[in-house]
Amino acid sequence: MKLAIASLSLLLAACNAPEPSSADSTPPAGAPVATTPAPAAAPMAKRAPGQENADPLQVFRAFGTEPFWNVNVEDATLTYTTPEDQAGMVMQGERHSVTGGVEIAGSHAGKSFTLTLTEGMCSDGMSDNRYTLISTFRYGDIDYRGCGEAAK
């Protein structure tokens, strides 16, 4: 009988145990740990040390949604990525000035490409962010439209 009373006392104590405080971040042993994956950051063109004040159209990124695409640009080298190909393709083109911007054209893997970046107000259509550059990118027979920004 004493064993039954002791067991009941332990069960009641367990039911009335205080809740762990939110300050205690250590989960009990064997408890599942909830993890929130870090949001995937969009690839961003970065300036090399010493290029912080370079022409903004030398190092920039062009991007768009529906479908998602991104092109990091440094001089005439483009790195084109999509969610399906996050490693991307590096393409070498030739730069040409166009009214209010720049165009880079060339070919890669048997497909021609042209990236054009011009001044103008742009919204990515998915956020409230506003950009001061408009981009168009044609790779093969696919046309992309989006925004652009100088590298950070």
Protein backbone atom coordinates (compact mmCIF):
# COMPACT_ATOMS: atom_id res chain seq x y z
CA MET A 1 0.00 0.00 0.00
CA LYS A 2 2.83 2.36 0.81
CA LEU A 3 4.22 1.76 -2.70
CA ALA A 4 0.86 2.68 -4.29
CA ILE A 5 0.63 5.92 -2.28
CA ALA A 6 4.20 6.86 -3.20
CA SER A 7 3.48 6.18 -6.88
CA LEU A 8 0.31 8.30 -6.79
CA SER A 9 2.19 11.11 -5.07
CA LEU A 10 4.82 11.09 -7.80
CA LEU A 11 2.16 11.12 -10.55
CA LEU A 12 0.34 14.05 -8.95
CA ALA A 13 3.59 15.95 -8.54
CA ALA A 14 4.41 15.38 -12.19
CA CYS A 15 1.00 16.70 -13.27
CA ASN A 16 1.47 19.85 -11.22
CA ALA A 17 5.11 20.45 -12.16
CA PRO A 18 5.82 24.06 -13.04
CA GLU A 19 6.13 24.89 -16.73
CA PRO A 20 9.71 25.44 -17.87
CA SER A 21 10.47 29.12 -18.28
CA SER A 22 11.02 30.50 -21.77
CA ALA A 23 14.45 31.61 -20.58
CA ASP A 24 15.45 27.95 -20.22
CA SER A 25 16.49 27.03 -23.73
CA THR A 26 17.75 23.55 -22.89
CA PRO A 27 15.14 20.95 -23.89
CA PRO A 28 14.70 17.91 -21.65
CA ALA A 29 16.70 14.85 -22.66
CA GLY A 30 14.93 12.92 -25.40
CA ALA A 31 12.52 15.76 -26.22
CA PRO A 32 12.16 16.67 -29.89
CA VAL A 33 13.99 19.85 -30.75
CA ALA A 34 12.14 22.30 -32.97
CA THR A 35 14.39 23.91 -35.50
CA THR A 36 13.51 26.69 -37.85
CA PRO A 37 15.59 26.64 -41.00
CA ALA A 38 17.26 29.92 -41.79
CA PRO A 39 15.58 31.63 -44.73
CA ALA A 40 17.54 31.23 -47.92
CA ALA A 41 19.16 34.50 -48.81
CA ALA A 42 19.11 35.58 -52.38
CA PRO A 43 22.50 35.50 -53.85
CA MET A 44 23.95 38.97 -53.91
CA ALA A 45 26.77 40.41 -55.91
CA LYS A 46 29.51 41.61 -53.61
CA ARG A 47 32.18 44.17 -54.30
CA ALA A 48 35.79 43.11 -54.00
CA PRO A 49 37.86 44.99 -51.40
CA GLY A 50 38.95 48.31 -52.83
CA GLN A 51 35.97 48.51 -55.23
CA GLU A 52 33.51 50.05 -52.77
CA ASN A 53 33.29 53.28 -54.81
CA ALA A 54 33.43 51.74 -58.29
CA ASP A 55 30.82 52.49 -60.95
CA PRO A 56 27.59 50.83 -59.73
CA LEU A 57 27.07 49.22 -63.13
CA GLN A 58 30.40 47.37 -62.91
CA VAL A 59 29.27 45.09 -60.06
CA PHE A 60 25.53 44.48 -59.66
CA ARG A 61 22.82 41.89 -59.61
CA ALA A 62 19.75 41.50 -61.78
CA PHE A 63 16.87 39.34 -60.57
CA GLY A 64 13.23 38.52 -61.00
CA THR A 65 10.31 36.43 -59.81
CA GLU A 66 7.83 34.14 -61.51
CA PRO A 67 10.06 32.42 -62.42
CA PHE A 68 12.82 33.16 -59.91
CA TRP A 69 16.17 33.99 -61.48
CA ASN A 70 19.31 35.89 -60.51
CA VAL A 71 22.37 37.15 -62.37
CA ASN A 72 25.39 38.45 -60.44
CA VAL A 73 27.56 40.64 -62.63
CA GLU A 74 31.16 41.72 -62.28
CA ASP A 75 32.38 43.71 -65.29
CA ALA A 76 31.40 41.36 -68.20
CA THR A 77 31.21 38.10 -66.20
CA LEU A 78 27.73 36.88 -65.34
CA THR A 79 26.75 34.15 -62.90
CA TYR A 80 23.21 33.02 -63.72
CA THR A 81 21.33 31.08 -61.01
CA THR A 82 17.84 29.69 -60.52
CA PRO A 83 16.32 27.79 -57.59
CA GLU A 84 16.91 24.59 -59.57
CA ASP A 85 20.58 25.48 -60.27
CA GLN A 86 21.89 27.36 -57.25
CA ALA A 87 25.53 26.75 -58.19
CA GLY A 88 24.79 28.62 -61.39
CA MET A 89 26.48 29.04 -64.73
CA VAL A 90 29.35 31.47 -65.24
CA MET A 91 29.13 33.27 -68.57
CA GLN A 92 31.55 35.66 -70.22
CA GLY A 93 30.13 38.40 -72.42
CA GLU A 94 30.95 41.76 -73.93
CA ARG A 95 29.80 45.02 -72.33
CA HIS A 96 28.17 47.79 -74.33
CA SER A 97 26.77 51.09 -73.12
CA VAL A 98 23.09 51.70 -73.83
CA THR A 99 21.02 54.78 -73.05
CA GLY A 100 20.72 54.94 -69.26
CA GLY A 101 22.52 51.68 -68.62
CA VAL A 102 24.58 48.76 -69.82
CA GLU A 103 24.14 45.64 -71.92
CA ILE A 104 26.22 42.47 -71.71
CA ALA A 105 25.88 39.93 -74.50
CA GLY A 106 27.55 36.68 -75.49
CA SER A 107 26.91 32.96 -75.75
CA HIS A 108 27.19 30.03 -73.37
CA ALA A 109 26.61 26.32 -73.94
CA GLY A 110 25.40 27.00 -77.47
CA LYS A 111 22.82 29.57 -76.37
CA SER A 112 23.08 33.32 -76.82
CA PHE A 113 22.40 35.64 -73.88
CA THR A 114 21.77 39.34 -73.42
CA LEU A 115 21.46 41.12 -70.08
CA THR A 116 20.30 44.73 -70.16
CA LEU A 117 20.18 46.98 -67.12
CA THR A 118 18.72 50.49 -67.35
CA GLU A 119 17.75 53.20 -64.91
CA GLY A 120 14.10 53.19 -63.86
CA MET A 121 11.84 52.42 -60.93
CA CYS A 122 11.14 48.72 -60.41
CA SER A 123 9.31 46.50 -57.94
CA ASP A 124 10.02 42.78 -57.68
CA GLY A 125 6.28 42.07 -57.42
CA MET A 126 6.66 40.01 -54.23
CA SER A 127 7.76 42.57 -51.65
CA ASP A 128 7.42 46.25 -51.00
CA ASN A 129 11.03 46.79 -52.06
CA ARG A 130 11.69 49.40 -54.73
CA TYR A 131 14.73 49.34 -56.97
CA THR A 132 16.18 52.01 -59.25
CA LEU A 133 17.26 49.63 -62.00
CA ILE A 134 15.22 47.60 -64.49
CA SER A 135 16.67 44.40 -65.93
CA THR A 136 15.90 42.14 -68.85
CA PHE A 137 17.73 38.89 -69.46
CA ARG A 138 17.40 36.66 -72.50
CA TYR A 139 19.07 33.26 -72.36
CA GLY A 140 18.44 31.11 -75.41
CA ASP A 141 14.78 31.59 -76.23
CA ILE A 142 13.69 32.46 -72.68
CA ASP A 143 13.03 36.09 -71.70
CA TYR A 144 13.20 37.24 -68.07
CA ARG A 145 12.19 40.63 -66.71
CA GLY A 146 13.04 42.00 -63.31
CA CYS A 147 14.92 44.56 -61.27
CA GLY A 148 18.52 45.28 -60.47
CA GLU A 149 20.70 46.81 -57.79
CA ALA A 150 24.31 47.81 -57.36
CA ALA A 151 26.45 45.39 -55.39
CA LYS A 152 26.75 45.95 -51.70
